[in-house]
Amino acid sequence: MRILLLADDDGHFRAAAEPLEQGGHEVVGCHPDGAAGHRWPCSAVDDVCPLDEGIDAAVALGTPDGRPDAGVGCVVRQHTPLVIDTEKSANELWPFAAAMVDGPESDLVSIVEALDGAPLPRLTDAAAGAVAGIADRLGLEGPFETVVRRRQRNIDAVTYGPASTTREQRGSLAQAAFAAVRNALPVGSTNQINVAYDVRD
């Protein structure tokens, strides 16, 4: 997996990066030297933002005073799975967390790996709502289920439904999912959105 690590200083960054790298994962930061440390500019100003190159998950270690790490807002806007440290992260970040760790003794590698291909709740809800609306308008009998997942820059939205739907109906359902995901992403997002329909009887 390609993991964006957000930390307030280089020591915290390396302490978390080492086990992740030893586990076979690529670790990147918002700054060329890793941690934020109140330094300017971020990589996106002079080079390329890691989120634009594709990230599977992000880990925010938190700051001593509970402020969000630099880059957390970008991660949330991109709907990238976010792991936060409950000991140091601000409570307002908790609703956006896909997983939580409790301090440095947590098994960060296993927690991050569990997010590989996991559904993205906010995008899934948006796509599922749009698909349900189109199915209702077309008079289709379900059940229909839509799940949205991330694979670095690719966002995959798969709608599961009965085999009785026609090709045109499946296209309409997939288009609804696509539009919902696209509209939920920030303007200028470089994510590639893939949609599909899969039969589930």
N, C-alpha and C. Protein backbone atom coordinates (compact mmCIF):
# COMPACT_ATOMS: atom_id res chain seq x y z
N MET A 1 0.83 -1.19 0.00
CA MET A 1 0.00 0.00 0.00
C MET A 1 0.87 1.25 0.00
N ARG A 2 0.32 2.34 -0.53
CA ARG A 2 1.01 3.63 -0.50
C ARG A 2 0.33 4.48 0.56
N ILE A 3 1.08 4.87 1.58
CA ILE A 3 0.52 5.48 2.77
C ILE A 3 1.06 6.89 2.95
N LEU A 4 0.16 7.84 3.15
CA LEU A 4 0.54 9.22 3.47
C LEU A 4 0.60 9.33 4.99
N LEU A 5 1.78 9.65 5.49
CA LEU A 5 1.99 9.76 6.93
C LEU A 5 2.07 11.23 7.31
N LEU A 6 1.22 11.64 8.24
CA LEU A 6 1.16 13.03 8.69
C LEU A 6 1.63 13.10 10.13
N ALA A 7 2.69 13.87 10.37
CA ALA A 7 3.28 13.96 11.70
C ALA A 7 3.78 15.37 11.95
N ASP A 8 3.93 15.71 13.23
CA ASP A 8 4.32 17.08 13.58
C ASP A 8 5.82 17.28 13.64
N ASP A 9 6.60 16.19 13.67
CA ASP A 9 8.05 16.36 13.64
C ASP A 9 8.69 15.11 13.03
N ASP A 10 9.95 15.24 12.68
CA ASP A 10 10.64 14.16 11.98
C ASP A 10 10.77 12.91 12.83
N GLY A 11 10.94 13.07 14.14
CA GLY A 11 11.07 11.91 15.00
C GLY A 11 9.81 11.06 15.01
N HIS A 12 8.66 11.70 15.14
CA HIS A 12 7.40 10.98 15.10
C HIS A 12 7.18 10.34 13.73
N PHE A 13 7.57 11.08 12.70
CA PHE A 13 7.39 10.56 11.34
C PHE A 13 8.19 9.27 11.16
N ARG A 14 9.47 9.28 11.53
CA ARG A 14 10.31 8.10 11.33
C ARG A 14 9.86 6.94 12.21
N ALA A 15 9.42 7.22 13.43
CA ALA A 15 9.00 6.16 14.34
C ALA A 15 7.82 5.39 13.77
N ALA A 16 6.92 6.08 13.08
CA ALA A 16 5.77 5.41 12.49
C ALA A 16 6.09 4.85 11.11
N ALA A 17 6.98 5.53 10.38
CA ALA A 17 7.30 5.10 9.03
C ALA A 17 8.06 3.77 9.01
N GLU A 18 8.95 3.58 9.97
CA GLU A 18 9.80 2.38 9.94
C GLU A 18 9.01 1.07 9.96
N PRO A 19 8.06 0.88 10.90
CA PRO A 19 7.32 -0.39 10.87
C PRO A 19 6.48 -0.55 9.61
N LEU A 20 5.95 0.55 9.09
CA LEU A 20 5.17 0.47 7.86
C LEU A 20 6.04 0.06 6.69
N GLU A 21 7.22 0.64 6.60
CA GLU A 21 8.13 0.29 5.51
C GLU A 21 8.64 -1.14 5.66
N GLN A 22 8.89 -1.55 6.89
CA GLN A 22 9.32 -2.92 7.13
C GLN A 22 8.22 -3.91 6.76
N GLY A 23 6.97 -3.45 6.83
CA GLY A 23 5.85 -4.29 6.43
C GLY A 23 5.62 -4.31 4.93
N GLY A 24 6.51 -3.64 4.17
CA GLY A 24 6.44 -3.66 2.72
C GLY A 24 5.64 -2.54 2.10
N HIS A 25 5.31 -1.51 2.87
CA HIS A 25 4.49 -0.42 2.35
C HIS A 25 5.35 0.79 2.00
N GLU A 26 4.89 1.57 1.04
CA GLU A 26 5.56 2.82 0.67
C GLU A 26 4.98 3.95 1.52
N VAL A 27 5.86 4.71 2.16
CA VAL A 27 5.42 5.81 3.03
C VAL A 27 5.87 7.13 2.42
N VAL A 28 4.95 8.07 2.31
CA VAL A 28 5.25 9.40 1.78
C VAL A 28 4.70 10.44 2.75
N GLY A 29 5.19 11.68 2.59
CA GLY A 29 4.75 12.78 3.45
C GLY A 29 4.33 13.98 2.64
N CYS A 30 3.79 14.98 3.33
CA CYS A 30 3.37 16.21 2.67
C CYS A 30 4.55 17.12 2.35
N HIS A 31 5.72 16.79 2.90
CA HIS A 31 6.92 17.59 2.70
C HIS A 31 8.04 16.67 2.24
N PRO A 32 8.98 17.19 1.48
CA PRO A 32 10.07 16.34 0.98
C PRO A 32 10.82 15.60 2.07
N ASP A 33 10.94 16.20 3.26
CA ASP A 33 11.67 15.55 4.34
C ASP A 33 10.74 14.83 5.31
N GLY A 34 9.48 14.63 4.91
CA GLY A 34 8.58 13.83 5.72
C GLY A 34 7.60 14.63 6.54
N ALA A 35 7.96 14.95 7.77
CA ALA A 35 7.01 15.57 8.70
C ALA A 35 6.71 17.01 8.34
N ALA A 36 5.63 17.52 8.90
CA ALA A 36 5.22 18.89 8.61
C ALA A 36 6.06 19.88 9.42
N GLY A 37 5.97 19.78 10.75
CA GLY A 37 6.79 20.65 11.59
C GLY A 37 6.61 22.12 11.32
N HIS A 38 5.40 22.53 10.89
CA HIS A 38 5.10 23.93 10.61
C HIS A 38 5.97 24.50 9.48
N ARG A 39 6.48 23.62 8.63
CA ARG A 39 7.32 24.11 7.53
C ARG A 39 6.50 24.40 6.29
N TRP A 40 6.98 25.31 5.52
CA TRP A 40 6.33 25.71 4.27
C TRP A 40 7.38 25.77 3.19
N PRO A 41 7.08 25.38 1.98
CA PRO A 41 5.78 24.96 1.48
C PRO A 41 5.61 23.44 1.52
N CYS A 42 4.39 22.99 1.27
CA CYS A 42 4.15 21.55 1.13
C CYS A 42 4.58 21.13 -0.27
N SER A 43 4.62 19.83 -0.50
CA SER A 43 5.10 19.31 -1.78
C SER A 43 4.28 19.81 -2.96
N ALA A 44 2.99 20.06 -2.76
CA ALA A 44 2.12 20.46 -3.86
C ALA A 44 2.49 21.82 -4.43
N VAL A 45 3.14 22.66 -3.65
CA VAL A 45 3.48 24.00 -4.12
C VAL A 45 4.61 23.96 -5.14
N ASP A 46 5.66 23.22 -4.84
CA ASP A 46 6.83 23.18 -5.73
C ASP A 46 6.91 21.92 -6.58
N ASP A 47 6.11 20.91 -6.25
CA ASP A 47 6.23 19.64 -6.98
C ASP A 47 4.84 19.05 -7.17
N VAL A 48 4.61 17.85 -6.65
CA VAL A 48 3.33 17.16 -6.82
C VAL A 48 2.83 16.70 -5.46
N CYS A 49 1.56 16.94 -5.19
CA CYS A 49 0.94 16.47 -3.96
C CYS A 49 0.86 14.94 -3.99
N PRO A 50 1.24 14.26 -2.90
CA PRO A 50 1.13 12.80 -2.88
C PRO A 50 -0.29 12.31 -3.14
N LEU A 51 -1.29 13.07 -2.74
CA LEU A 51 -2.67 12.67 -2.99
C LEU A 51 -2.99 12.65 -4.48
N ASP A 52 -2.35 13.54 -5.25
CA ASP A 52 -2.56 13.54 -6.69
C ASP A 52 -1.89 12.35 -7.37
N GLU A 53 -0.86 11.82 -6.74
CA GLU A 53 -0.17 10.65 -7.29
C GLU A 53 -0.82 9.34 -6.88
N GLY A 54 -1.68 9.39 -5.87
CA GLY A 54 -2.40 8.20 -5.45
C GLY A 54 -1.99 7.70 -4.09
N ILE A 55 -2.94 7.61 -3.18
CA ILE A 55 -2.71 7.16 -1.81
C ILE A 55 -3.79 6.14 -1.46
N ASP A 56 -3.39 5.06 -0.78
CA ASP A 56 -4.37 4.06 -0.34
C ASP A 56 -4.96 4.43 1.02
N ALA A 57 -4.16 5.03 1.88
CA ALA A 57 -4.61 5.40 3.22
C ALA A 57 -3.69 6.47 3.77
N ALA A 58 -4.18 7.20 4.78
CA ALA A 58 -3.38 8.22 5.45
C ALA A 58 -3.40 7.96 6.95
N VAL A 59 -2.29 8.30 7.60
CA VAL A 59 -2.17 8.14 9.05
C VAL A 59 -1.81 9.50 9.64
N ALA A 60 -2.65 10.00 10.55
CA ALA A 60 -2.39 11.26 11.23
C ALA A 60 -2.03 10.97 12.68
N LEU A 61 -0.80 11.29 13.05
CA LEU A 61 -0.33 10.97 14.40
C LEU A 61 -0.78 11.97 15.44
N GLY A 62 -1.23 13.15 15.02
CA GLY A 62 -1.69 14.15 15.97
C GLY A 62 -0.55 14.98 16.52
N THR A 63 -0.90 16.12 17.09
CA THR A 63 0.07 17.05 17.65
C THR A 63 -0.09 17.11 19.16
N PRO A 64 0.95 17.55 19.89
CA PRO A 64 0.86 17.58 21.35
C PRO A 64 -0.32 18.38 21.89
N ASP A 65 -0.70 19.45 21.16
CA ASP A 65 -1.81 20.27 21.64
C ASP A 65 -3.15 19.88 21.02
N GLY A 66 -3.18 18.75 20.30
CA GLY A 66 -4.44 18.25 19.75
C GLY A 66 -4.86 18.86 18.44
N ARG A 67 -4.04 19.76 17.87
CA ARG A 67 -4.39 20.34 16.58
C ARG A 67 -4.28 19.28 15.48
N PRO A 68 -5.10 19.37 14.43
CA PRO A 68 -4.95 18.44 13.32
C PRO A 68 -3.61 18.62 12.63
N ASP A 69 -3.01 17.54 12.20
CA ASP A 69 -1.77 17.61 11.43
C ASP A 69 -2.02 18.34 10.12
N ALA A 70 -0.99 18.99 9.61
CA ALA A 70 -1.07 19.57 8.28
C ALA A 70 -1.37 18.47 7.27
N GLY A 71 -2.28 18.71 6.37
CA GLY A 71 -2.63 17.72 5.37
C GLY A 71 -3.90 16.94 5.66
N VAL A 72 -4.38 16.97 6.90
CA VAL A 72 -5.58 16.21 7.24
C VAL A 72 -6.79 16.71 6.45
N GLY A 73 -6.91 18.02 6.30
CA GLY A 73 -8.03 18.56 5.55
C GLY A 73 -8.03 18.07 4.11
N CYS A 74 -6.85 18.01 3.50
CA CYS A 74 -6.75 17.52 2.12
C CYS A 74 -7.17 16.06 2.04
N VAL A 75 -6.75 15.27 3.02
CA VAL A 75 -7.10 13.85 3.06
C VAL A 75 -8.61 13.67 3.17
N VAL A 76 -9.24 14.43 4.05
CA VAL A 76 -10.69 14.31 4.25
C VAL A 76 -11.44 14.71 2.98
N ARG A 77 -10.99 15.79 2.34
CA ARG A 77 -11.66 16.25 1.11
C ARG A 77 -11.56 15.23 -0.01
N GLN A 78 -10.45 14.49 -0.04
CA GLN A 78 -10.25 13.48 -1.08
C GLN A 78 -10.90 12.15 -0.74
N HIS A 79 -11.52 12.04 0.43
CA HIS A 79 -12.17 10.80 0.86
C HIS A 79 -11.16 9.64 0.91
N THR A 80 -9.97 9.94 1.37
CA THR A 80 -8.95 8.91 1.56
C THR A 80 -9.11 8.31 2.96
N PRO A 81 -9.07 6.97 3.11
CA PRO A 81 -9.19 6.38 4.44
C PRO A 81 -8.17 6.96 5.40
N LEU A 82 -8.63 7.41 6.57
CA LEU A 82 -7.78 8.11 7.52
C LEU A 82 -7.71 7.36 8.83
N VAL A 83 -6.49 7.16 9.32
CA VAL A 83 -6.24 6.58 10.63
C VAL A 83 -5.77 7.70 11.54
N ILE A 84 -6.37 7.82 12.73
CA ILE A 84 -5.94 8.87 13.66
C ILE A 84 -5.54 8.26 14.99
N ASP A 85 -4.70 8.97 15.70
CA ASP A 85 -4.27 8.59 17.04
C ASP A 85 -5.21 9.26 18.03
N THR A 86 -6.00 8.46 18.73
CA THR A 86 -6.99 9.03 19.64
C THR A 86 -6.35 9.74 20.83
N GLU A 87 -5.09 9.45 21.12
CA GLU A 87 -4.44 10.10 22.25
C GLU A 87 -4.07 11.54 21.95
N LYS A 88 -3.87 11.87 20.66
CA LYS A 88 -3.38 13.20 20.31
C LYS A 88 -4.27 13.96 19.33
N SER A 89 -5.21 13.28 18.70
CA SER A 89 -6.01 13.92 17.68
C SER A 89 -7.22 14.64 18.27
N ALA A 90 -7.59 15.72 17.63
CA ALA A 90 -8.75 16.49 18.08
C ALA A 90 -10.02 15.67 17.90
N ASN A 91 -10.93 15.81 18.85
CA ASN A 91 -12.18 15.03 18.80
C ASN A 91 -12.98 15.27 17.54
N GLU A 92 -12.87 16.46 16.95
CA GLU A 92 -13.67 16.75 15.77
C GLU A 92 -13.23 15.93 14.55
N LEU A 93 -12.06 15.30 14.62
CA LEU A 93 -11.61 14.46 13.52
C LEU A 93 -12.20 13.06 13.58
N TRP A 94 -12.67 12.66 14.75
CA TRP A 94 -13.11 11.28 14.92
C TRP A 94 -14.18 10.85 13.93
N PRO A 95 -15.17 11.69 13.59
CA PRO A 95 -16.18 11.24 12.63
C PRO A 95 -15.61 10.95 11.23
N PHE A 96 -14.43 11.48 10.93
CA PHE A 96 -13.84 11.29 9.61
C PHE A 96 -12.83 10.13 9.58
N ALA A 97 -12.64 9.49 10.71
CA ALA A 97 -11.63 8.43 10.80
C ALA A 97 -12.20 7.10 10.34
N ALA A 98 -11.43 6.41 9.50
CA ALA A 98 -11.79 5.05 9.10
C ALA A 98 -11.32 4.04 10.14
N ALA A 99 -10.30 4.43 10.91
CA ALA A 99 -9.78 3.58 11.98
C ALA A 99 -9.03 4.46 12.97
N MET A 100 -8.84 3.93 14.18
CA MET A 100 -8.16 4.68 15.22
C MET A 100 -7.08 3.82 15.86
N VAL A 101 -6.01 4.48 16.30
CA VAL A 101 -4.97 3.81 17.07
C VAL A 101 -4.90 4.49 18.44
N ASP A 102 -4.49 3.75 19.42
CA ASP A 102 -4.39 4.28 20.78
C ASP A 102 -2.93 4.35 21.19
N GLY A 103 -2.25 5.38 20.68
CA GLY A 103 -0.86 5.58 21.07
C GLY A 103 0.13 4.77 20.25
N PRO A 104 1.40 4.96 20.52
CA PRO A 104 2.46 4.35 19.71
C PRO A 104 2.57 2.84 19.85
N GLU A 105 1.97 2.25 20.86
CA GLU A 105 2.08 0.81 21.02
C GLU A 105 1.11 0.05 20.13
N SER A 106 0.21 0.73 19.46
CA SER A 106 -0.77 0.07 18.61
C SER A 106 -0.09 -0.59 17.41
N ASP A 107 -0.72 -1.64 16.91
CA ASP A 107 -0.20 -2.33 15.73
C ASP A 107 -0.64 -1.56 14.49
N LEU A 108 0.12 -0.52 14.16
CA LEU A 108 -0.24 0.37 13.07
C LEU A 108 -0.30 -0.36 11.74
N VAL A 109 0.61 -1.29 11.52
CA VAL A 109 0.67 -1.99 10.23
C VAL A 109 -0.63 -2.76 9.99
N SER A 110 -1.06 -3.53 10.95
CA SER A 110 -2.29 -4.32 10.79
C SER A 110 -3.50 -3.43 10.61
N ILE A 111 -3.54 -2.33 11.35
CA ILE A 111 -4.68 -1.41 11.27
C ILE A 111 -4.76 -0.79 9.88
N VAL A 112 -3.62 -0.38 9.34
CA VAL A 112 -3.61 0.21 8.00
C VAL A 112 -3.96 -0.83 6.95
N GLU A 113 -3.40 -2.02 7.06
CA GLU A 113 -3.66 -3.06 6.06
C GLU A 113 -5.13 -3.46 6.02
N ALA A 114 -5.82 -3.34 7.15
CA ALA A 114 -7.24 -3.69 7.19
C ALA A 114 -8.08 -2.72 6.36
N LEU A 115 -7.52 -1.56 6.03
CA LEU A 115 -8.25 -0.57 5.24
C LEU A 115 -8.08 -0.77 3.74
N ASP A 116 -7.22 -1.69 3.34
CA ASP A 116 -6.95 -1.91 1.92
C ASP A 116 -8.22 -2.38 1.22
N GLY A 117 -8.78 -1.53 0.38
CA GLY A 117 -9.98 -1.87 -0.34
C GLY A 117 -11.26 -1.78 0.46
N ALA A 118 -11.20 -1.22 1.66
CA ALA A 118 -12.40 -1.10 2.49
C ALA A 118 -13.36 -0.07 1.89
N PRO A 119 -14.66 -0.24 2.08
CA PRO A 119 -15.62 0.75 1.57
C PRO A 119 -15.38 2.14 2.16
N LEU A 120 -15.64 3.16 1.36
CA LEU A 120 -15.54 4.55 1.79
C LEU A 120 -16.94 5.00 2.19
N PRO A 121 -17.21 5.17 3.48
CA PRO A 121 -18.60 5.39 3.93
C PRO A 121 -19.30 6.58 3.29
N ARG A 122 -18.66 7.75 3.26
CA ARG A 122 -19.35 8.93 2.76
C ARG A 122 -19.62 8.84 1.26
N LEU A 123 -18.64 8.34 0.50
CA LEU A 123 -18.86 8.18 -0.94
C LEU A 123 -19.86 7.05 -1.22
N THR A 124 -19.80 5.99 -0.42
CA THR A 124 -20.75 4.89 -0.59
C THR A 124 -22.17 5.36 -0.34
N ASP A 125 -22.37 6.15 0.72
CA ASP A 125 -23.71 6.67 1.02
C ASP A 125 -24.22 7.55 -0.11
N ALA A 126 -23.34 8.40 -0.64
CA ALA A 126 -23.75 9.30 -1.72
C ALA A 126 -24.14 8.53 -2.97
N ALA A 127 -23.30 7.55 -3.34
CA ALA A 127 -23.58 6.77 -4.55
C ALA A 127 -24.81 5.90 -4.37
N ALA A 128 -24.95 5.27 -3.20
CA ALA A 128 -26.10 4.41 -2.95
C ALA A 128 -27.41 5.19 -3.00
N GLY A 129 -27.39 6.40 -2.45
CA GLY A 129 -28.58 7.24 -2.50
C GLY A 129 -28.97 7.61 -3.91
N ALA A 130 -27.96 7.93 -4.74
CA ALA A 130 -28.23 8.29 -6.14
C ALA A 130 -28.76 7.10 -6.92
N VAL A 131 -28.19 5.93 -6.70
CA VAL A 131 -28.65 4.72 -7.38
C VAL A 131 -30.07 4.38 -6.97
N ALA A 132 -30.38 4.49 -5.69
CA ALA A 132 -31.73 4.21 -5.21
C ALA A 132 -32.75 5.15 -5.86
N GLY A 133 -32.35 6.43 -6.02
CA GLY A 133 -33.25 7.39 -6.65
C GLY A 133 -33.55 7.04 -8.09
N ILE A 134 -32.51 6.65 -8.85
CA ILE A 134 -32.71 6.28 -10.25
C ILE A 134 -33.52 4.99 -10.36
N ALA A 135 -33.22 4.02 -9.51
CA ALA A 135 -33.97 2.75 -9.54
C ALA A 135 -35.45 3.00 -9.27
N ASP A 136 -35.74 3.88 -8.35
CA ASP A 136 -37.14 4.20 -8.03
C ASP A 136 -37.81 4.89 -9.22
N ARG A 137 -37.08 5.81 -9.85
CA ARG A 137 -37.65 6.53 -10.98
C ARG A 137 -37.92 5.61 -12.18
N LEU A 138 -37.05 4.59 -12.34
CA LEU A 138 -37.22 3.64 -13.44
C LEU A 138 -38.18 2.51 -13.10
N GLY A 139 -38.64 2.48 -11.85
CA GLY A 139 -39.56 1.43 -11.43
C GLY A 139 -38.90 0.07 -11.29
N LEU A 140 -37.63 0.05 -10.94
CA LEU A 140 -36.89 -1.21 -10.85
C LEU A 140 -37.04 -1.80 -9.45
N GLU A 141 -37.17 -3.12 -9.41
CA GLU A 141 -37.23 -3.82 -8.14
C GLU A 141 -35.84 -4.34 -7.79
N GLY A 142 -35.38 -4.04 -6.61
CA GLY A 142 -34.05 -4.44 -6.16
C GLY A 142 -34.03 -5.81 -5.56
N PRO A 143 -33.23 -6.01 -4.56
CA PRO A 143 -32.48 -4.92 -3.90
C PRO A 143 -31.23 -4.52 -4.68
N PHE A 144 -30.84 -3.24 -4.51
CA PHE A 144 -29.61 -2.73 -5.09
C PHE A 144 -28.67 -2.31 -3.96
N GLU A 145 -27.41 -2.58 -4.15
CA GLU A 145 -26.39 -2.18 -3.17
C GLU A 145 -25.22 -1.58 -3.93
N THR A 146 -24.77 -0.43 -3.53
CA THR A 146 -23.61 0.22 -4.15
C THR A 146 -22.51 0.39 -3.12
N VAL A 147 -21.30 0.01 -3.49
CA VAL A 147 -20.15 0.11 -2.61
C VAL A 147 -19.04 0.86 -3.34
N VAL A 148 -18.43 1.82 -2.67
CA VAL A 148 -17.34 2.61 -3.26
C VAL A 148 -16.06 2.34 -2.49
N ARG A 149 -15.00 2.02 -3.23
CA ARG A 149 -13.70 1.74 -2.64
C ARG A 149 -12.62 2.54 -3.36
N ARG A 150 -11.46 2.68 -2.69
CA ARG A 150 -10.33 3.40 -3.28
C ARG A 150 -9.16 2.44 -3.51
N ARG A 151 -8.51 2.61 -4.66
CA ARG A 151 -7.25 1.96 -4.97
C ARG A 151 -6.30 3.04 -5.48
N GLN A 152 -5.60 3.68 -4.54
CA GLN A 152 -4.74 4.81 -4.84
C GLN A 152 -5.53 5.88 -5.59
N ARG A 153 -5.22 6.18 -6.85
CA ARG A 153 -5.95 7.23 -7.57
C ARG A 153 -7.29 6.75 -8.09
N ASN A 154 -7.49 5.44 -8.15
CA ASN A 154 -8.74 4.90 -8.69
C ASN A 154 -9.80 4.79 -7.60
N ILE A 155 -10.99 5.24 -7.93
CA ILE A 155 -12.14 5.06 -7.05
C ILE A 155 -13.13 4.18 -7.79
N ASP A 156 -13.45 3.03 -7.23
CA ASP A 156 -14.31 2.05 -7.87
C ASP A 156 -15.68 2.04 -7.20
N ALA A 157 -16.71 2.26 -7.99
CA ALA A 157 -18.09 2.23 -7.49
C ALA A 157 -18.81 1.07 -8.19
N VAL A 158 -19.16 0.06 -7.43
CA VAL A 158 -19.82 -1.12 -7.99
C VAL A 158 -21.24 -1.19 -7.43
N THR A 159 -22.20 -1.30 -8.34
CA THR A 159 -23.59 -1.48 -7.95
C THR A 159 -23.98 -2.94 -8.15
N TYR A 160 -24.49 -3.55 -7.11
CA TYR A 160 -24.94 -4.95 -7.17
C TYR A 160 -26.46 -4.96 -7.24
N GLY A 161 -26.98 -5.78 -8.16
CA GLY A 161 -28.42 -5.85 -8.31
C GLY A 161 -28.85 -7.08 -9.06
N PRO A 162 -30.14 -7.23 -9.30
CA PRO A 162 -30.65 -8.43 -9.96
C PRO A 162 -30.29 -8.51 -11.44
N ALA A 163 -30.32 -9.74 -11.96
CA ALA A 163 -29.98 -9.96 -13.37
C ALA A 163 -31.07 -9.48 -14.31
N SER A 164 -32.25 -9.18 -13.78
CA SER A 164 -33.39 -8.80 -14.62
C SER A 164 -33.24 -7.41 -15.24
N THR A 165 -32.30 -6.62 -14.78
CA THR A 165 -32.12 -5.27 -15.33
C THR A 165 -31.53 -5.35 -16.73
N THR A 166 -31.95 -4.43 -17.58
CA THR A 166 -31.43 -4.38 -18.94
C THR A 166 -30.09 -3.66 -18.97
N ARG A 167 -29.42 -3.74 -20.12
CA ARG A 167 -28.13 -3.05 -20.28
C ARG A 167 -28.29 -1.55 -20.09
N GLU A 168 -29.37 -1.00 -20.65
CA GLU A 168 -29.60 0.43 -20.53
C GLU A 168 -29.86 0.84 -19.08
N GLN A 169 -30.63 0.02 -18.37
CA GLN A 169 -30.92 0.31 -16.97
C GLN A 169 -29.64 0.25 -16.13
N ARG A 170 -28.82 -0.74 -16.40
CA ARG A 170 -27.55 -0.85 -15.66
C ARG A 170 -26.68 0.37 -15.93
N GLY A 171 -26.69 0.84 -17.18
CA GLY A 171 -25.92 2.03 -17.51
C GLY A 171 -26.42 3.25 -16.76
N SER A 172 -27.73 3.37 -16.62
CA SER A 172 -28.30 4.50 -15.89
C SER A 172 -27.93 4.45 -14.41
N LEU A 173 -27.97 3.26 -13.84
CA LEU A 173 -27.60 3.10 -12.43
C LEU A 173 -26.13 3.43 -12.22
N ALA A 174 -25.27 2.93 -13.11
CA ALA A 174 -23.83 3.20 -13.00
C ALA A 174 -23.54 4.68 -13.17
N GLN A 175 -24.24 5.33 -14.10
CA GLN A 175 -24.03 6.76 -14.31
C GLN A 175 -24.44 7.56 -13.09
N ALA A 176 -25.49 7.14 -12.42
CA ALA A 176 -25.92 7.83 -11.20
C ALA A 176 -24.85 7.72 -10.12
N ALA A 177 -24.26 6.53 -9.98
CA ALA A 177 -23.19 6.34 -9.00
C ALA A 177 -21.99 7.20 -9.36
N PHE A 178 -21.64 7.24 -10.65
CA PHE A 178 -20.50 8.04 -11.10
C PHE A 178 -20.70 9.51 -10.78
N ALA A 179 -21.88 10.03 -11.10
CA ALA A 179 -22.14 11.46 -10.87
C ALA A 179 -22.10 11.80 -9.39
N ALA A 180 -22.62 10.91 -8.55
CA ALA A 180 -22.61 11.17 -7.11
C ALA A 180 -21.19 11.22 -6.56
N VAL A 181 -20.35 10.29 -7.00
CA VAL A 181 -18.96 10.28 -6.53
C VAL A 181 -18.21 11.49 -7.05
N ARG A 182 -18.37 11.79 -8.31
CA ARG A 182 -17.67 12.95 -8.90
C ARG A 182 -18.06 14.23 -8.18
N ASN A 183 -19.34 14.40 -7.90
CA ASN A 183 -19.80 15.63 -7.24
C ASN A 183 -19.32 15.73 -5.80
N ALA A 184 -19.02 14.59 -5.18
CA ALA A 184 -18.57 14.59 -3.78
C ALA A 184 -17.08 14.87 -3.66
N LEU A 185 -16.35 14.72 -4.76
CA LEU A 185 -14.91 14.96 -4.73
C LEU A 185 -14.62 16.44 -4.98
N PRO A 186 -13.48 16.95 -4.49
CA PRO A 186 -13.16 18.36 -4.69
C PRO A 186 -12.94 18.69 -6.16
N VAL A 187 -13.22 19.93 -6.51
CA VAL A 187 -13.01 20.40 -7.87
C VAL A 187 -11.54 20.22 -8.24
N GLY A 188 -11.28 19.69 -9.42
CA GLY A 188 -9.92 19.47 -9.86
C GLY A 188 -9.30 18.17 -9.38
N SER A 189 -10.09 17.33 -8.74
CA SER A 189 -9.57 16.05 -8.26
C SER A 189 -9.03 15.23 -9.42
N THR A 190 -7.88 14.59 -9.20
CA THR A 190 -7.25 13.78 -10.24
C THR A 190 -7.66 12.31 -10.15
N ASN A 191 -8.58 11.99 -9.26
CA ASN A 191 -9.00 10.61 -9.11
C ASN A 191 -9.73 10.10 -10.35
N GLN A 192 -9.43 8.88 -10.73
CA GLN A 192 -10.16 8.22 -11.80
C GLN A 192 -11.30 7.43 -11.19
N ILE A 193 -12.52 7.65 -11.68
CA ILE A 193 -13.70 7.01 -11.14
C ILE A 193 -14.13 5.89 -12.07
N ASN A 194 -14.15 4.67 -11.59
CA ASN A 194 -14.59 3.52 -12.36
C ASN A 194 -15.93 3.03 -11.80
N VAL A 195 -16.89 2.75 -12.67
CA VAL A 195 -18.18 2.26 -12.23
C VAL A 195 -18.48 0.94 -12.92
N ALA A 196 -19.25 0.10 -12.25
CA ALA A 196 -19.62 -1.20 -12.79
C ALA A 196 -20.93 -1.67 -12.18
N TYR A 197 -21.55 -2.61 -12.86
CA TYR A 197 -22.76 -3.25 -12.35
C TYR A 197 -22.48 -4.74 -12.25
N ASP A 198 -22.79 -5.33 -11.11
CA ASP A 198 -22.54 -6.74 -10.90
C ASP A 198 -23.84 -7.42 -10.47
N VAL A 199 -24.11 -8.57 -11.04
CA VAL A 199 -25.36 -9.28 -10.74
C VAL A 199 -25.25 -9.96 -9.39
N ARG A 200 -26.26 -9.76 -8.58
CA ARG A 200 -26.35 -10.43 -7.29
C ARG A 200 -27.80 -10.87 -7.10
N ASP A 201 -28.06 -12.13 -7.32
CA ASP A 201 -29.42 -12.67 -7.19
C ASP A 201 -29.70 -13.10 -5.76
